[in-house]
């Protein structure tokens, strides 16, 4: 698990670096909401650290599951959509597809470790949906130039992807709660 922690830590740092260009032109009040994938990865990295210390940081775990699956799948879809639109995404696009699919997959594979409660899901849901508003109402979404004409469609897809990931966390919570009862 330490290896996974370090891989995620390095990936998180690289992810924030990746957003450097967009962050340099972002208003201060939006900075925390712009680097979606690295922040999701940060939540999971912190959850891993907690598990390694035999602790469950429940809010961090709920945020990790919801956002890691959401932004992992979101980036895969956006890059494949770009491939369809342009015919090529280059090696960097394929790296993003692979790394973001791995983000979503690891969130699912570590489901047995999550111990969050309903209140943590509610808080994580508010964070996630608020982030969607910041992205698609205030125009802070990640830039995909080849998909810019589809911004409202992407916003709509993103909202429902958020709902699906929130529901996933609720199902995880319910299954664990029902096993314990």
Protein backbone atom coordinates (compact mmCIF):
# COMPACT_ATOMS: atom_id res chain seq x y z
CA UNK A 1 0.00 0.00 0.00
CA UNK A 2 2.98 2.32 0.57
CA UNK A 3 3.92 1.95 -3.11
CA UNK A 4 0.39 2.95 -4.12
CA UNK A 5 0.60 5.91 -1.73
CA UNK A 6 3.83 7.16 -3.33
CA UNK A 7 2.54 6.59 -6.87
CA UNK A 8 -0.57 8.61 -6.05
CA UNK A 9 1.44 11.31 -4.30
CA UNK A 10 3.71 11.75 -7.34
CA UNK A 11 0.71 11.66 -9.67
CA UNK A 12 -1.05 14.28 -7.56
CA UNK A 13 1.96 16.60 -7.63
CA UNK A 14 2.28 16.11 -11.39
CA UNK A 15 -1.45 16.77 -11.78
CA UNK A 16 -1.18 20.13 -10.04
CA UNK A 17 1.80 20.94 -12.27
CA UNK A 18 -0.29 19.93 -15.31
CA UNK A 19 -2.89 22.58 -14.36
CA UNK A 20 -0.24 25.28 -13.91
CA UNK A 21 -1.22 27.11 -17.12
CA UNK A 22 -4.90 27.23 -16.27
CA UNK A 23 -4.20 28.07 -12.62
CA UNK A 24 -2.02 31.02 -13.63
CA UNK A 25 -5.05 32.74 -15.21
CA UNK A 26 -7.62 31.63 -12.63
CA UNK A 27 -9.17 34.04 -10.14
CA UNK A 28 -8.02 33.31 -6.59
CA UNK A 29 -11.53 32.45 -5.39
CA UNK A 30 -11.72 29.58 -7.91
CA UNK A 31 -8.22 28.14 -7.45
CA UNK A 32 -9.25 25.26 -5.18
CA UNK A 33 -11.90 24.09 -7.67
CA UNK A 34 -9.93 24.14 -10.92
CA UNK A 35 -7.50 21.19 -10.60
CA UNK A 36 -10.21 18.52 -10.41
CA UNK A 37 -8.26 15.32 -11.00
CA UNK A 38 -5.24 16.18 -8.83
CA UNK A 39 -7.52 17.16 -5.98
CA UNK A 40 -9.40 13.87 -6.34
CA UNK A 41 -6.06 12.08 -6.33
CA UNK A 42 -5.02 14.08 -3.26
CA UNK A 43 -8.14 12.89 -1.42
CA UNK A 44 -7.29 9.28 -2.26
CA UNK A 45 -3.62 9.77 -1.31
CA UNK A 46 -4.74 11.10 2.07
CA UNK A 47 -7.18 8.20 2.48
CA UNK A 48 -4.31 5.79 1.75
CA UNK A 49 -2.16 7.53 4.34
CA UNK A 50 -4.97 7.16 6.86
CA UNK A 51 -5.34 3.46 6.15
CA UNK A 52 -1.58 3.00 6.43
CA UNK A 53 -1.83 4.58 9.90
CA UNK A 54 -4.87 2.38 10.76
CA UNK A 55 -7.20 5.38 10.65
CA UNK A 56 -10.31 6.14 8.67
CA UNK A 57 -10.62 9.78 7.69
CA UNK A 58 -14.23 9.33 6.69
CA UNK A 59 -14.87 12.62 4.91
CA UNK A 60 -11.64 12.24 2.94
CA UNK A 61 -12.69 8.68 2.02
CA UNK A 62 -16.10 9.84 0.76
CA UNK A 63 -14.49 12.64 -1.23
CA UNK A 64 -11.92 10.19 -2.61
CA UNK A 65 -14.46 7.64 -3.82
CA UNK A 66 -16.84 10.15 -5.38
CA UNK A 67 -14.28 12.42 -7.01
CA UNK A 68 -11.78 9.78 -8.08
CA UNK A 69 -14.41 7.78 -9.94
CA UNK A 70 -16.00 10.95 -11.33
CA UNK A 71 -12.88 12.66 -12.63
CA UNK A 72 -11.25 9.40 -13.63
CA UNK A 73 -14.18 8.49 -15.87
CA UNK A 74 -14.73 12.10 -16.97
CA UNK A 75 -11.19 12.41 -18.33
CA UNK A 76 -11.43 9.05 -20.11
CA UNK A 77 -14.68 10.12 -21.80
CA UNK A 78 -13.36 13.58 -22.74
CA UNK A 79 -10.16 12.18 -24.23
CA UNK A 80 -11.99 9.50 -26.19
CA UNK A 81 -14.51 12.10 -27.37
CA UNK A 82 -11.58 14.26 -28.49
CA UNK A 83 -10.23 11.23 -30.37
CA UNK A 84 -13.57 10.86 -32.16
CA UNK A 85 -13.70 14.58 -32.98
CA UNK A 86 -10.10 15.04 -34.10
CA UNK A 87 -8.90 11.56 -35.04
CA UNK A 88 -5.87 11.72 -32.73
CA UNK A 89 -5.06 12.40 -29.09
CA UNK A 90 -1.34 11.65 -29.18
CA UNK A 91 0.64 9.84 -26.54
CA UNK A 92 -0.29 12.41 -23.88
CA UNK A 93 -3.99 11.81 -24.49
CA UNK A 94 -3.51 8.07 -24.17
CA UNK A 95 -1.48 8.61 -21.00
CA UNK A 96 -4.41 10.60 -19.62
CA UNK A 97 -6.88 7.85 -20.60
CA UNK A 98 -4.77 5.18 -18.88
CA UNK A 99 -3.93 7.15 -15.74
CA UNK A 100 -7.46 8.43 -15.23
CA UNK A 101 -8.99 5.01 -15.81
CA UNK A 102 -6.56 3.74 -13.14
CA UNK A 103 -7.76 6.50 -10.81
CA UNK A 104 -11.37 5.34 -11.10
CA UNK A 105 -10.38 1.68 -10.86
CA UNK A 106 -8.35 2.09 -7.67
CA UNK A 107 -11.24 3.94 -6.02
CA UNK A 108 -13.46 0.93 -6.79
CA UNK A 109 -10.86 -1.66 -5.77
CA UNK A 110 -10.47 -0.06 -2.34
CA UNK A 111 -14.19 -0.06 -1.54
CA UNK A 112 -13.67 -2.54 1.35
CA UNK A 113 -11.56 0.09 3.15
CA UNK A 114 -14.09 2.94 3.17
CA UNK A 115 -15.86 3.63 6.48
CA UNK A 116 -17.64 6.90 5.73
CA UNK A 117 -21.12 7.63 7.02
CA UNK A 118 -24.12 9.25 5.39
CA UNK A 119 -23.17 12.73 6.65
CA UNK A 120 -19.80 12.40 4.88
CA UNK A 121 -21.57 11.51 1.63
CA UNK A 122 -23.76 14.61 1.99
CA UNK A 123 -20.74 16.87 2.52
CA UNK A 124 -18.84 15.24 -0.35
CA UNK A 125 -21.92 15.57 -2.57
CA UNK A 126 -22.16 19.28 -1.81
CA UNK A 127 -18.46 19.72 -2.61
CA UNK A 128 -18.81 17.76 -5.86
CA UNK A 129 -21.95 19.51 -7.11
CA UNK A 130 -20.58 22.91 -6.06
CA UNK A 131 -17.49 22.13 -8.11
CA UNK A 132 -19.74 21.43 -11.11
CA UNK A 133 -21.35 24.85 -10.66
CA UNK A 134 -17.93 26.51 -10.46
CA UNK A 135 -16.83 24.65 -13.61
CA UNK A 136 -19.90 25.06 -15.80
CA UNK A 137 -21.66 28.18 -14.48
CA UNK A 138 -18.52 30.22 -13.73
CA UNK A 139 -16.53 28.82 -16.68
CA UNK A 140 -13.69 27.17 -14.76
CA UNK A 141 -13.91 23.73 -16.42
CA UNK A 142 -10.79 22.07 -17.81
CA UNK A 143 -10.14 23.23 -21.35
CA UNK A 144 -10.63 20.84 -24.23
CA UNK A 145 -10.37 23.13 -27.25
CA UNK A 146 -11.69 20.53 -29.69
CA UNK A 147 -14.81 20.09 -27.51
CA UNK A 148 -15.48 23.74 -26.62
CA UNK A 149 -18.62 23.86 -28.79
CA UNK A 150 -20.06 21.09 -26.60
CA UNK A 151 -19.55 22.87 -23.27
CA UNK A 152 -23.23 22.73 -22.24
CA UNK A 153 -23.46 19.04 -23.19
CA UNK A 154 -20.30 18.34 -21.20
CA UNK A 155 -21.72 20.23 -18.23
CA UNK A 156 -24.92 18.18 -18.40
CA UNK A 157 -22.96 14.92 -18.66
CA UNK A 158 -20.75 16.00 -15.76
CA UNK A 159 -23.74 16.75 -13.53
CA UNK A 160 -25.19 13.27 -14.10
CA UNK A 161 -21.77 11.66 -13.67
CA UNK A 162 -21.57 13.44 -10.30
CA UNK A 163 -25.01 12.10 -9.34
CA UNK A 164 -23.99 8.57 -10.37
CA UNK A 165 -20.81 8.75 -8.27
CA UNK A 166 -22.70 10.12 -5.28
CA UNK A 167 -25.18 7.26 -5.63
CA UNK A 168 -22.27 4.82 -5.84
CA UNK A 169 -20.98 6.11 -2.51
CA UNK A 170 -24.45 5.71 -1.02
CA UNK A 171 -24.63 2.09 -2.26
CA UNK A 172 -21.20 1.41 -0.73
CA UNK A 173 -22.40 2.93 2.55
CA UNK A 174 -25.66 0.95 2.50
CA UNK A 175 -23.97 -2.38 1.75
CA UNK A 176 -21.46 -1.88 4.56
CA UNK A 177 -24.18 -0.72 6.96
CA UNK A 178 -26.42 -3.69 6.10
CA UNK A 179 -23.53 -6.14 6.61
CA UNK A 180 -22.86 -4.69 10.03
CA UNK A 181 -26.51 -4.71 11.16
